[in-house]
ModelCIF file with pLDDT and N, C-alpha, C, O atoms, coordinates in Angstrom:
data_MODEL
#
_entry.id   MODEL 
#
_entity.id                         1 
_entity.type                       polymer 
_entity.pdbx_number_of_molecules   1 
#
_entity_poly.entity_id                      1 
_entity_poly.type                           'polypeptide(L)' 
_entity_poly.nstd_linkage                   no 
_entity_poly.nstd_monomer                   no 
_entity_poly.pdbx_seq_one_letter_code       
;(UNK)(UNK)(UNK)(UNK)(UNK)(UNK)(UNK)(UNK)(UNK)(UNK)(UNK)(UNK)(UNK)(UNK)(UNK)(UNK)
(UNK)(UNK)(UNK)(UNK)(UNK)(UNK)(UNK)(UNK)(UNK)(UNK)(UNK)(UNK)(UNK)(UNK)(UNK)(UNK)
(UNK)(UNK)(UNK)(UNK)(UNK)(UNK)(UNK)(UNK)(UNK)(UNK)(UNK)(UNK)(UNK)(UNK)(UNK)(UNK)
;
_entity_poly.pdbx_seq_one_letter_code_can   XXXXXXXXXXXXXXXXXXXXXXXXXXXXXXXXXXXXXXXXXXXXXXXX 
_entity_poly.pdbx_strand_id                 A 
#
loop_
_entity_poly_seq.entity_id 
_entity_poly_seq.num 
_entity_poly_seq.mon_id 
_entity_poly_seq.hetero 
1 1  UNK n 
1 2  UNK n 
1 3  UNK n 
1 4  UNK n 
1 5  UNK n 
1 6  UNK n 
1 7  UNK n 
1 8  UNK n 
1 9  UNK n 
1 10 UNK n 
1 11 UNK n 
1 12 UNK n 
1 13 UNK n 
1 14 UNK n 
1 15 UNK n 
1 16 UNK n 
1 17 UNK n 
1 18 UNK n 
1 19 UNK n 
1 20 UNK n 
1 21 UNK n 
1 22 UNK n 
1 23 UNK n 
1 24 UNK n 
1 25 UNK n 
1 26 UNK n 
1 27 UNK n 
1 28 UNK n 
1 29 UNK n 
1 30 UNK n 
1 31 UNK n 
1 32 UNK n 
1 33 UNK n 
1 34 UNK n 
1 35 UNK n 
1 36 UNK n 
1 37 UNK n 
1 38 UNK n 
1 39 UNK n 
1 40 UNK n 
1 41 UNK n 
1 42 UNK n 
1 43 UNK n 
1 44 UNK n 
1 45 UNK n 
1 46 UNK n 
1 47 UNK n 
1 48 UNK n 
#
_struct_asym.id          A 
_struct_asym.entity_id   1 
#
loop_
_ma_qa_metric.id 
_ma_qa_metric.mode 
_ma_qa_metric.name 
_ma_qa_metric.software_group_id 
_ma_qa_metric.type 
1 global pLDDT . pLDDT 
2 local  pLDDT . pLDDT 
#
_ma_qa_metric_global.metric_id      1 
_ma_qa_metric_global.metric_value   95.29 
_ma_qa_metric_global.model_id       1 
_ma_qa_metric_global.ordinal_id     1 
#
loop_
_ma_qa_metric_local.label_asym_id 
_ma_qa_metric_local.label_comp_id 
_ma_qa_metric_local.label_seq_id 
_ma_qa_metric_local.metric_id 
_ma_qa_metric_local.metric_value 
_ma_qa_metric_local.model_id 
_ma_qa_metric_local.ordinal_id 
A UNK 1  2 98.00 1 1  
A UNK 2  2 98.00 1 2  
A UNK 3  2 97.00 1 3  
A UNK 4  2 96.00 1 4  
A UNK 5  2 93.00 1 5  
A UNK 6  2 87.00 1 6  
A UNK 7  2 85.00 1 7  
A UNK 8  2 84.00 1 8  
A UNK 9  2 85.00 1 9  
A UNK 10 2 90.00 1 10 
A UNK 11 2 91.00 1 11 
A UNK 12 2 94.00 1 12 
A UNK 13 2 96.00 1 13 
A UNK 14 2 97.00 1 14 
A UNK 15 2 98.00 1 15 
A UNK 16 2 98.00 1 16 
A UNK 17 2 98.00 1 17 
A UNK 18 2 98.00 1 18 
A UNK 19 2 98.00 1 19 
A UNK 20 2 98.00 1 20 
A UNK 21 2 98.00 1 21 
A UNK 22 2 98.00 1 22 
A UNK 23 2 98.00 1 23 
A UNK 24 2 98.00 1 24 
A UNK 25 2 98.00 1 25 
A UNK 26 2 96.00 1 26 
A UNK 27 2 94.00 1 27 
A UNK 28 2 93.00 1 28 
A UNK 29 2 87.00 1 29 
A UNK 30 2 90.00 1 30 
A UNK 31 2 92.00 1 31 
A UNK 32 2 92.00 1 32 
A UNK 33 2 95.00 1 33 
A UNK 34 2 96.00 1 34 
A UNK 35 2 98.00 1 35 
A UNK 36 2 98.00 1 36 
A UNK 37 2 98.00 1 37 
A UNK 38 2 98.00 1 38 
A UNK 39 2 98.00 1 39 
A UNK 40 2 98.00 1 40 
A UNK 41 2 98.00 1 41 
A UNK 42 2 98.00 1 42 
A UNK 43 2 97.00 1 43 
A UNK 44 2 97.00 1 44 
A UNK 45 2 98.00 1 45 
A UNK 46 2 98.00 1 46 
A UNK 47 2 98.00 1 47 
A UNK 48 2 98.00 1 48 
#
loop_
_atom_site.group_PDB 
_atom_site.id 
_atom_site.type_symbol 
_atom_site.label_atom_id 
_atom_site.label_alt_id 
_atom_site.label_comp_id 
_atom_site.label_asym_id 
_atom_site.label_entity_id 
_atom_site.label_seq_id 
_atom_site.pdbx_PDB_ins_code 
_atom_site.Cartn_x 
_atom_site.Cartn_y 
_atom_site.Cartn_z 
_atom_site.occupancy 
_atom_site.B_iso_or_equiv 
_atom_site.pdbx_formal_charge 
_atom_site.auth_seq_id 
_atom_site.auth_comp_id 
_atom_site.auth_asym_id 
_atom_site.auth_atom_id 
_atom_site.pdbx_PDB_model_num 
ATOM 1   N N  . UNK A 1 1  ? 170.719 -106.844 36.523 1.00 98.00 ? 1  UNK A N  1 
ATOM 2   C CA . UNK A 1 1  ? 171.785 -107.630 35.984 1.00 98.00 ? 1  UNK A CA 1 
ATOM 3   C C  . UNK A 1 1  ? 172.507 -108.365 37.041 1.00 98.00 ? 1  UNK A C  1 
ATOM 4   O O  . UNK A 1 1  ? 172.671 -109.578 36.917 1.00 98.00 ? 1  UNK A O  1 
ATOM 5   N N  . UNK A 1 2  ? 172.960 -107.718 38.089 1.00 98.00 ? 2  UNK A N  1 
ATOM 6   C CA . UNK A 1 2  ? 173.716 -108.416 39.160 1.00 98.00 ? 2  UNK A CA 1 
ATOM 7   C C  . UNK A 1 2  ? 173.739 -107.454 40.392 1.00 98.00 ? 2  UNK A C  1 
ATOM 8   O O  . UNK A 1 2  ? 173.475 -106.253 40.326 1.00 98.00 ? 2  UNK A O  1 
ATOM 9   N N  . UNK A 1 3  ? 174.086 -108.130 41.515 1.00 97.00 ? 3  UNK A N  1 
ATOM 10  C CA . UNK A 1 3  ? 174.079 -107.430 42.789 1.00 97.00 ? 3  UNK A CA 1 
ATOM 11  C C  . UNK A 1 3  ? 175.177 -108.053 43.668 1.00 97.00 ? 3  UNK A C  1 
ATOM 12  O O  . UNK A 1 3  ? 175.476 -109.243 43.577 1.00 97.00 ? 3  UNK A O  1 
ATOM 13  N N  . UNK A 1 4  ? 175.756 -107.213 44.507 1.00 96.00 ? 4  UNK A N  1 
ATOM 14  C CA . UNK A 1 4  ? 176.739 -107.648 45.507 1.00 96.00 ? 4  UNK A CA 1 
ATOM 15  C C  . UNK A 1 4  ? 176.425 -106.956 46.792 1.00 96.00 ? 4  UNK A C  1 
ATOM 16  O O  . UNK A 1 4  ? 176.089 -105.774 46.858 1.00 96.00 ? 4  UNK A O  1 
ATOM 17  N N  . UNK A 1 5  ? 176.557 -107.790 47.845 1.00 93.00 ? 5  UNK A N  1 
ATOM 18  C CA . UNK A 1 5  ? 176.411 -107.268 49.232 1.00 93.00 ? 5  UNK A CA 1 
ATOM 19  C C  . UNK A 1 5  ? 177.270 -108.024 50.187 1.00 93.00 ? 5  UNK A C  1 
ATOM 20  O O  . UNK A 1 5  ? 177.817 -109.074 49.849 1.00 93.00 ? 5  UNK A O  1 
ATOM 21  N N  . UNK A 1 6  ? 177.400 -107.495 51.400 1.00 87.00 ? 6  UNK A N  1 
ATOM 22  C CA . UNK A 1 6  ? 178.229 -108.178 52.347 1.00 87.00 ? 6  UNK A CA 1 
ATOM 23  C C  . UNK A 1 6  ? 177.516 -108.300 53.745 1.00 87.00 ? 6  UNK A C  1 
ATOM 24  O O  . UNK A 1 6  ? 176.674 -107.489 54.130 1.00 87.00 ? 6  UNK A O  1 
ATOM 25  N N  . UNK A 1 7  ? 177.923 -109.358 54.444 1.00 85.00 ? 7  UNK A N  1 
ATOM 26  C CA . UNK A 1 7  ? 177.475 -109.528 55.809 1.00 85.00 ? 7  UNK A CA 1 
ATOM 27  C C  . UNK A 1 7  ? 178.694 -109.945 56.545 1.00 85.00 ? 7  UNK A C  1 
ATOM 28  O O  . UNK A 1 7  ? 179.098 -111.107 56.515 1.00 85.00 ? 7  UNK A O  1 
ATOM 29  N N  . UNK A 1 8  ? 179.308 -108.947 57.240 1.00 84.00 ? 8  UNK A N  1 
ATOM 30  C CA . UNK A 1 8  ? 180.643 -109.259 57.848 1.00 84.00 ? 8  UNK A CA 1 
ATOM 31  C C  . UNK A 1 8  ? 181.669 -109.466 56.670 1.00 84.00 ? 8  UNK A C  1 
ATOM 32  O O  . UNK A 1 8  ? 181.841 -108.627 55.786 1.00 84.00 ? 8  UNK A O  1 
ATOM 33  N N  . UNK A 1 9  ? 182.303 -110.614 56.744 1.00 85.00 ? 9  UNK A N  1 
ATOM 34  C CA . UNK A 1 9  ? 183.304 -110.904 55.695 1.00 85.00 ? 9  UNK A CA 1 
ATOM 35  C C  . UNK A 1 9  ? 182.674 -111.754 54.581 1.00 85.00 ? 9  UNK A C  1 
ATOM 36  O O  . UNK A 1 9  ? 183.363 -112.088 53.616 1.00 85.00 ? 9  UNK A O  1 
ATOM 37  N N  . UNK A 1 10 ? 181.455 -112.094 54.681 1.00 90.00 ? 10 UNK A N  1 
ATOM 38  C CA . UNK A 1 10 ? 180.812 -112.930 53.711 1.00 90.00 ? 10 UNK A CA 1 
ATOM 39  C C  . UNK A 1 10 ? 180.238 -112.053 52.590 1.00 90.00 ? 10 UNK A C  1 
ATOM 40  O O  . UNK A 1 10 ? 179.569 -111.056 52.861 1.00 90.00 ? 10 UNK A O  1 
ATOM 41  N N  . UNK A 1 11 ? 180.490 -112.411 51.386 1.00 91.00 ? 11 UNK A N  1 
ATOM 42  C CA . UNK A 1 11 ? 180.006 -111.713 50.181 1.00 91.00 ? 11 UNK A CA 1 
ATOM 43  C C  . UNK A 1 11 ? 178.919 -112.465 49.564 1.00 91.00 ? 11 UNK A C  1 
ATOM 44  O O  . UNK A 1 11 ? 178.997 -113.688 49.454 1.00 91.00 ? 11 UNK A O  1 
ATOM 45  N N  . UNK A 1 12 ? 177.883 -111.784 49.145 1.00 94.00 ? 12 UNK A N  1 
ATOM 46  C CA . UNK A 1 12 ? 176.750 -112.353 48.444 1.00 94.00 ? 12 UNK A CA 1 
ATOM 47  C C  . UNK A 1 12 ? 176.680 -111.753 47.028 1.00 94.00 ? 12 UNK A C  1 
ATOM 48  O O  . UNK A 1 12 ? 176.840 -110.546 46.845 1.00 94.00 ? 12 UNK A O  1 
ATOM 49  N N  . UNK A 1 13 ? 176.445 -112.589 46.071 1.00 96.00 ? 13 UNK A N  1 
ATOM 50  C CA . UNK A 1 13 ? 176.272 -112.146 44.716 1.00 96.00 ? 13 UNK A CA 1 
ATOM 51  C C  . UNK A 1 13 ? 175.035 -112.746 44.158 1.00 96.00 ? 13 UNK A C  1 
ATOM 52  O O  . UNK A 1 13 ? 174.678 -113.866 44.524 1.00 96.00 ? 13 UNK A O  1 
ATOM 53  N N  . UNK A 1 14 ? 174.332 -112.023 43.249 1.00 97.00 ? 14 UNK A N  1 
ATOM 54  C CA . UNK A 1 14 ? 173.188 -112.489 42.603 1.00 97.00 ? 14 UNK A CA 1 
ATOM 55  C C  . UNK A 1 14 ? 173.311 -112.075 41.134 1.00 97.00 ? 14 UNK A C  1 
ATOM 56  O O  . UNK A 1 14 ? 173.944 -111.075 40.797 1.00 97.00 ? 14 UNK A O  1 
ATOM 57  N N  . UNK A 1 15 ? 172.693 -112.870 40.287 1.00 98.00 ? 15 UNK A N  1 
ATOM 58  C CA . UNK A 1 15 ? 172.765 -112.552 38.852 1.00 98.00 ? 15 UNK A CA 1 
ATOM 59  C C  . UNK A 1 15 ? 171.442 -112.839 38.192 1.00 98.00 ? 15 UNK A C  1 
ATOM 60  O O  . UNK A 1 15 ? 170.698 -113.728 38.608 1.00 98.00 ? 15 UNK A O  1 
ATOM 61  N N  . UNK A 1 16 ? 171.158 -112.074 37.155 1.00 98.00 ? 16 UNK A N  1 
ATOM 62  C CA . UNK A 1 16 ? 169.964 -112.428 36.321 1.00 98.00 ? 16 UNK A CA 1 
ATOM 63  C C  . UNK A 1 16 ? 170.368 -113.722 35.567 1.00 98.00 ? 16 UNK A C  1 
ATOM 64  O O  . UNK A 1 16 ? 171.537 -114.008 35.309 1.00 98.00 ? 16 UNK A O  1 
ATOM 65  N N  . UNK A 1 17 ? 169.315 -114.459 35.245 1.00 98.00 ? 17 UNK A N  1 
ATOM 66  C CA . UNK A 1 17 ? 169.563 -115.736 34.535 1.00 98.00 ? 17 UNK A CA 1 
ATOM 67  C C  . UNK A 1 17 ? 170.252 -115.518 33.205 1.00 98.00 ? 17 UNK A C  1 
ATOM 68  O O  . UNK A 1 17 ? 171.053 -116.352 32.782 1.00 98.00 ? 17 UNK A O  1 
ATOM 69  N N  . UNK A 1 18 ? 169.951 -114.386 32.517 1.00 98.00 ? 18 UNK A N  1 
ATOM 70  C CA . UNK A 1 18 ? 170.467 -114.122 31.222 1.00 98.00 ? 18 UNK A CA 1 
ATOM 71  C C  . UNK A 1 18 ? 171.963 -113.863 31.200 1.00 98.00 ? 18 UNK A C  1 
ATOM 72  O O  . UNK A 1 18 ? 172.590 -113.920 30.142 1.00 98.00 ? 18 UNK A O  1 
ATOM 73  N N  . UNK A 1 19 ? 172.553 -113.572 32.385 1.00 98.00 ? 19 UNK A N  1 
ATOM 74  C CA . UNK A 1 19 ? 174.035 -113.230 32.409 1.00 98.00 ? 19 UNK A CA 1 
ATOM 75  C C  . UNK A 1 19 ? 174.797 -114.255 33.304 1.00 98.00 ? 19 UNK A C  1 
ATOM 76  O O  . UNK A 1 19 ? 176.022 -114.183 33.395 1.00 98.00 ? 19 UNK A O  1 
ATOM 77  N N  . UNK A 1 20 ? 174.147 -115.121 33.906 1.00 98.00 ? 20 UNK A N  1 
ATOM 78  C CA . UNK A 1 20 ? 174.868 -116.108 34.719 1.00 98.00 ? 20 UNK A CA 1 
ATOM 79  C C  . UNK A 1 20 ? 175.836 -116.901 33.943 1.00 98.00 ? 20 UNK A C  1 
ATOM 80  O O  . UNK A 1 20 ? 175.505 -117.447 32.891 1.00 98.00 ? 20 UNK A O  1 
ATOM 81  N N  . UNK A 1 21 ? 177.090 -116.983 34.461 1.00 98.00 ? 21 UNK A N  1 
ATOM 82  C CA . UNK A 1 21 ? 178.134 -117.761 33.793 1.00 98.00 ? 21 UNK A CA 1 
ATOM 83  C C  . UNK A 1 21 ? 178.952 -116.844 32.793 1.00 98.00 ? 21 UNK A C  1 
ATOM 84  O O  . UNK A 1 21 ? 180.014 -117.233 32.307 1.00 98.00 ? 21 UNK A O  1 
ATOM 85  N N  . UNK A 1 22 ? 178.423 -115.653 32.521 1.00 98.00 ? 22 UNK A N  1 
ATOM 86  C CA . UNK A 1 22 ? 179.119 -114.769 31.621 1.00 98.00 ? 22 UNK A CA 1 
ATOM 87  C C  . UNK A 1 22 ? 179.623 -113.476 32.329 1.00 98.00 ? 22 UNK A C  1 
ATOM 88  O O  . UNK A 1 22 ? 180.709 -112.966 32.054 1.00 98.00 ? 22 UNK A O  1 
ATOM 89  N N  . UNK A 1 23 ? 178.794 -112.997 33.223 1.00 98.00 ? 23 UNK A N  1 
ATOM 90  C CA . UNK A 1 23 ? 179.118 -111.797 33.918 1.00 98.00 ? 23 UNK A CA 1 
ATOM 91  C C  . UNK A 1 23 ? 179.600 -112.084 35.419 1.00 98.00 ? 23 UNK A C  1 
ATOM 92  O O  . UNK A 1 23 ? 179.139 -113.044 36.038 1.00 98.00 ? 23 UNK A O  1 
ATOM 93  N N  . UNK A 1 24 ? 180.462 -111.292 35.932 1.00 98.00 ? 24 UNK A N  1 
ATOM 94  C CA . UNK A 1 24 ? 180.897 -111.454 37.301 1.00 98.00 ? 24 UNK A CA 1 
ATOM 95  C C  . UNK A 1 24 ? 180.944 -110.092 37.996 1.00 98.00 ? 24 UNK A C  1 
ATOM 96  O O  . UNK A 1 24 ? 181.565 -109.161 37.484 1.00 98.00 ? 24 UNK A O  1 
ATOM 97  N N  . UNK A 1 25 ? 180.303 -109.969 39.141 1.00 98.00 ? 25 UNK A N  1 
ATOM 98  C CA . UNK A 1 25 ? 180.336 -108.730 39.872 1.00 98.00 ? 25 UNK A CA 1 
ATOM 99  C C  . UNK A 1 25 ? 181.323 -108.910 41.016 1.00 98.00 ? 25 UNK A C  1 
ATOM 100 O O  . UNK A 1 25 ? 181.343 -109.947 41.680 1.00 98.00 ? 25 UNK A O  1 
ATOM 101 N N  . UNK A 1 26 ? 182.117 -107.916 41.230 1.00 96.00 ? 26 UNK A N  1 
ATOM 102 C CA . UNK A 1 26 ? 183.179 -107.983 42.262 1.00 96.00 ? 26 UNK A CA 1 
ATOM 103 C C  . UNK A 1 26 ? 183.419 -106.563 42.783 1.00 96.00 ? 26 UNK A C  1 
ATOM 104 O O  . UNK A 1 26 ? 182.815 -105.597 42.318 1.00 96.00 ? 26 UNK A O  1 
ATOM 105 N N  . UNK A 1 27 ? 184.335 -106.470 43.779 1.00 94.00 ? 27 UNK A N  1 
ATOM 106 C CA . UNK A 1 27 ? 184.550 -105.159 44.346 1.00 94.00 ? 27 UNK A CA 1 
ATOM 107 C C  . UNK A 1 27 ? 186.033 -105.015 44.773 1.00 94.00 ? 27 UNK A C  1 
ATOM 108 O O  . UNK A 1 27 ? 186.750 -105.990 44.997 1.00 94.00 ? 27 UNK A O  1 
ATOM 109 N N  . UNK A 1 28 ? 186.424 -103.779 44.866 1.00 93.00 ? 28 UNK A N  1 
ATOM 110 C CA . UNK A 1 28 ? 187.780 -103.451 45.455 1.00 93.00 ? 28 UNK A CA 1 
ATOM 111 C C  . UNK A 1 28 ? 187.387 -102.442 46.545 1.00 93.00 ? 28 UNK A C  1 
ATOM 112 O O  . UNK A 1 28 ? 187.187 -101.256 46.282 1.00 93.00 ? 28 UNK A O  1 
ATOM 113 N N  . UNK A 1 29 ? 187.288 -102.942 47.737 1.00 87.00 ? 29 UNK A N  1 
ATOM 114 C CA . UNK A 1 29 ? 186.785 -102.116 48.822 1.00 87.00 ? 29 UNK A CA 1 
ATOM 115 C C  . UNK A 1 29 ? 187.779 -101.008 49.135 1.00 87.00 ? 29 UNK A C  1 
ATOM 116 O O  . UNK A 1 29 ? 187.361 -99.927  49.552 1.00 87.00 ? 29 UNK A O  1 
ATOM 117 N N  . UNK A 1 30 ? 189.031 -101.223 48.957 1.00 90.00 ? 30 UNK A N  1 
ATOM 118 C CA . UNK A 1 30 ? 190.026 -100.151 49.160 1.00 90.00 ? 30 UNK A CA 1 
ATOM 119 C C  . UNK A 1 30 ? 189.786 -99.007  48.250 1.00 90.00 ? 30 UNK A C  1 
ATOM 120 O O  . UNK A 1 30 ? 190.067 -97.865  48.614 1.00 90.00 ? 30 UNK A O  1 
ATOM 121 N N  . UNK A 1 31 ? 189.283 -99.257  47.090 1.00 92.00 ? 31 UNK A N  1 
ATOM 122 C CA . UNK A 1 31 ? 188.993 -98.158  46.068 1.00 92.00 ? 31 UNK A CA 1 
ATOM 123 C C  . UNK A 1 31 ? 187.459 -97.831  46.135 1.00 92.00 ? 31 UNK A C  1 
ATOM 124 O O  . UNK A 1 31 ? 187.005 -96.956  45.398 1.00 92.00 ? 31 UNK A O  1 
ATOM 125 N N  . UNK A 1 32 ? 186.713 -98.469  46.942 1.00 92.00 ? 32 UNK A N  1 
ATOM 126 C CA . UNK A 1 32 ? 185.225 -98.274  47.020 1.00 92.00 ? 32 UNK A CA 1 
ATOM 127 C C  . UNK A 1 32 ? 184.615 -98.275  45.615 1.00 92.00 ? 32 UNK A C  1 
ATOM 128 O O  . UNK A 1 32 ? 183.850 -97.407  45.195 1.00 92.00 ? 32 UNK A O  1 
ATOM 129 N N  . UNK A 1 33 ? 185.043 -99.354  44.932 1.00 95.00 ? 33 UNK A N  1 
ATOM 130 C CA . UNK A 1 33 ? 184.579 -99.500  43.534 1.00 95.00 ? 33 UNK A CA 1 
ATOM 131 C C  . UNK A 1 33 ? 184.031 -100.951 43.315 1.00 95.00 ? 33 UNK A C  1 
ATOM 132 O O  . UNK A 1 33 ? 184.618 -101.935 43.764 1.00 95.00 ? 33 UNK A O  1 
ATOM 133 N N  . UNK A 1 34 ? 182.933 -101.017 42.637 1.00 96.00 ? 34 UNK A N  1 
ATOM 134 C CA . UNK A 1 34 ? 182.351 -102.333 42.238 1.00 96.00 ? 34 UNK A CA 1 
ATOM 135 C C  . UNK A 1 34 ? 182.531 -102.440 40.726 1.00 96.00 ? 34 UNK A C  1 
ATOM 136 O O  . UNK A 1 34 ? 182.367 -101.496 39.953 1.00 96.00 ? 34 UNK A O  1 
ATOM 137 N N  . UNK A 1 35 ? 182.885 -103.687 40.373 1.00 98.00 ? 35 UNK A N  1 
ATOM 138 C CA . UNK A 1 35 ? 183.088 -103.933 38.921 1.00 98.00 ? 35 UNK A CA 1 
ATOM 139 C C  . UNK A 1 35 ? 182.023 -104.962 38.370 1.00 98.00 ? 35 UNK A C  1 
ATOM 140 O O  . UNK A 1 35 ? 181.461 -105.774 39.104 1.00 98.00 ? 35 UNK A O  1 
ATOM 141 N N  . UNK A 1 36 ? 181.809 -104.862 37.085 1.00 98.00 ? 36 UNK A N  1 
ATOM 142 C CA . UNK A 1 36 ? 181.049 -105.839 36.435 1.00 98.00 ? 36 UNK A CA 1 
ATOM 143 C C  . UNK A 1 36 ? 181.863 -106.329 35.213 1.00 98.00 ? 36 UNK A C  1 
ATOM 144 O O  . UNK A 1 36 ? 181.964 -105.629 34.205 1.00 98.00 ? 36 UNK A O  1 
ATOM 145 N N  . UNK A 1 37 ? 182.433 -107.528 35.324 1.00 98.00 ? 37 UNK A N  1 
ATOM 146 C CA . UNK A 1 37 ? 183.190 -108.116 34.229 1.00 98.00 ? 37 UNK A CA 1 
ATOM 147 C C  . UNK A 1 37 ? 182.179 -108.867 33.335 1.00 98.00 ? 37 UNK A C  1 
ATOM 148 O O  . UNK A 1 37 ? 181.448 -109.752 33.779 1.00 98.00 ? 37 UNK A O  1 
ATOM 149 N N  . UNK A 1 38 ? 182.183 -108.467 32.075 1.00 98.00 ? 38 UNK A N  1 
ATOM 150 C CA . UNK A 1 38 ? 181.203 -108.985 31.141 1.00 98.00 ? 38 UNK A CA 1 
ATOM 151 C C  . UNK A 1 38 ? 181.999 -109.733 30.022 1.00 98.00 ? 38 UNK A C  1 
ATOM 152 O O  . UNK A 1 38 ? 182.769 -109.124 29.281 1.00 98.00 ? 38 UNK A O  1 
ATOM 153 N N  . UNK A 1 39 ? 181.793 -111.008 29.937 1.00 98.00 ? 39 UNK A N  1 
ATOM 154 C CA . UNK A 1 39 ? 182.452 -111.908 29.002 1.00 98.00 ? 39 UNK A CA 1 
ATOM 155 C C  . UNK A 1 39 ? 181.419 -112.488 28.067 1.00 98.00 ? 39 UNK A C  1 
ATOM 156 O O  . UNK A 1 39 ? 180.223 -112.498 28.358 1.00 98.00 ? 39 UNK A O  1 
ATOM 157 N N  . UNK A 1 40 ? 181.913 -112.980 26.915 1.00 98.00 ? 40 UNK A N  1 
ATOM 158 C CA . UNK A 1 40 ? 181.038 -113.547 25.893 1.00 98.00 ? 40 UNK A CA 1 
ATOM 159 C C  . UNK A 1 40 ? 179.836 -112.733 25.613 1.00 98.00 ? 40 UNK A C  1 
ATOM 160 O O  . UNK A 1 40 ? 178.708 -113.225 25.603 1.00 98.00 ? 40 UNK A O  1 
ATOM 161 N N  . UNK A 1 41 ? 180.086 -111.460 25.381 1.00 98.00 ? 41 UNK A N  1 
ATOM 162 C CA . UNK A 1 41 ? 178.984 -110.492 25.144 1.00 98.00 ? 41 UNK A CA 1 
ATOM 163 C C  . UNK A 1 41 ? 178.184 -110.884 23.890 1.00 98.00 ? 41 UNK A C  1 
ATOM 164 O O  . UNK A 1 41 ? 178.739 -111.387 22.913 1.00 98.00 ? 41 UNK A O  1 
ATOM 165 N N  . UNK A 1 42 ? 176.880 -110.641 23.944 1.00 98.00 ? 42 UNK A N  1 
ATOM 166 C CA . UNK A 1 42 ? 175.896 -110.874 22.938 1.00 98.00 ? 42 UNK A CA 1 
ATOM 167 C C  . UNK A 1 42 ? 175.290 -109.612 22.456 1.00 98.00 ? 42 UNK A C  1 
ATOM 168 O O  . UNK A 1 42 ? 175.267 -108.661 23.238 1.00 98.00 ? 42 UNK A O  1 
ATOM 169 N N  . UNK A 1 43 ? 174.795 -109.482 21.269 1.00 97.00 ? 43 UNK A N  1 
ATOM 170 C CA . UNK A 1 43 ? 174.143 -108.253 20.823 1.00 97.00 ? 43 UNK A CA 1 
ATOM 171 C C  . UNK A 1 43 ? 172.989 -107.910 21.800 1.00 97.00 ? 43 UNK A C  1 
ATOM 172 O O  . UNK A 1 43 ? 172.746 -106.725 22.029 1.00 97.00 ? 43 UNK A O  1 
ATOM 173 N N  . UNK A 1 44 ? 172.293 -108.860 22.365 1.00 97.00 ? 44 UNK A N  1 
ATOM 174 C CA . UNK A 1 44 ? 171.231 -108.551 23.287 1.00 97.00 ? 44 UNK A CA 1 
ATOM 175 C C  . UNK A 1 44 ? 171.702 -107.987 24.617 1.00 97.00 ? 44 UNK A C  1 
ATOM 176 O O  . UNK A 1 44 ? 170.877 -107.576 25.434 1.00 97.00 ? 44 UNK A O  1 
ATOM 177 N N  . UNK A 1 45 ? 173.010 -107.959 24.855 1.00 98.00 ? 45 UNK A N  1 
ATOM 178 C CA . UNK A 1 45 ? 173.548 -107.317 26.073 1.00 98.00 ? 45 UNK A CA 1 
ATOM 179 C C  . UNK A 1 45 ? 173.692 -105.803 25.897 1.00 98.00 ? 45 UNK A C  1 
ATOM 180 O O  . UNK A 1 45 ? 173.962 -105.077 26.854 1.00 98.00 ? 45 UNK A O  1 
ATOM 181 N N  . UNK A 1 46 ? 173.511 -105.348 24.675 1.00 98.00 ? 46 UNK A N  1 
ATOM 182 C CA . UNK A 1 46 ? 173.714 -103.934 24.406 1.00 98.00 ? 46 UNK A CA 1 
ATOM 183 C C  . UNK A 1 46 ? 172.662 -103.109 25.157 1.00 98.00 ? 46 UNK A C  1 
ATOM 184 O O  . UNK A 1 46 ? 171.468 -103.398 25.074 1.00 98.00 ? 46 UNK A O  1 
ATOM 185 N N  . UNK A 1 47 ? 173.108 -102.089 25.885 1.00 98.00 ? 47 UNK A N  1 
ATOM 186 C CA . UNK A 1 47 ? 172.161 -101.288 26.675 1.00 98.00 ? 47 UNK A CA 1 
ATOM 187 C C  . UNK A 1 47 ? 173.006 -100.200 27.430 1.00 98.00 ? 47 UNK A C  1 
ATOM 188 O O  . UNK A 1 47 ? 174.236 -100.195 27.395 1.00 98.00 ? 47 UNK A O  1 
ATOM 189 N N  . UNK A 1 48 ? 172.271 -99.301  28.098 1.00 98.00 ? 48 UNK A N  1 
ATOM 190 C CA . UNK A 1 48 ? 172.925 -98.408  29.006 1.00 98.00 ? 48 UNK A CA 1 
ATOM 191 C C  . UNK A 1 48 ? 172.959 -99.149  30.373 1.00 98.00 ? 48 UNK A C  1 
ATOM 192 O O  . UNK A 1 48 ? 173.472 -98.611  31.354 1.00 98.00 ? 48 UNK A O  1 
#
């Protein structure tokens, strides 16, 4: 679905074509937590 990585202060994100423009991956490094914001959800997004 999506991936996030870092090189120094530069962040890299990648998305599957099916979710580009609708999903956003981000992080809160202070909380050591990565998020996946999913907007405009479709029935085909249903999954674990």
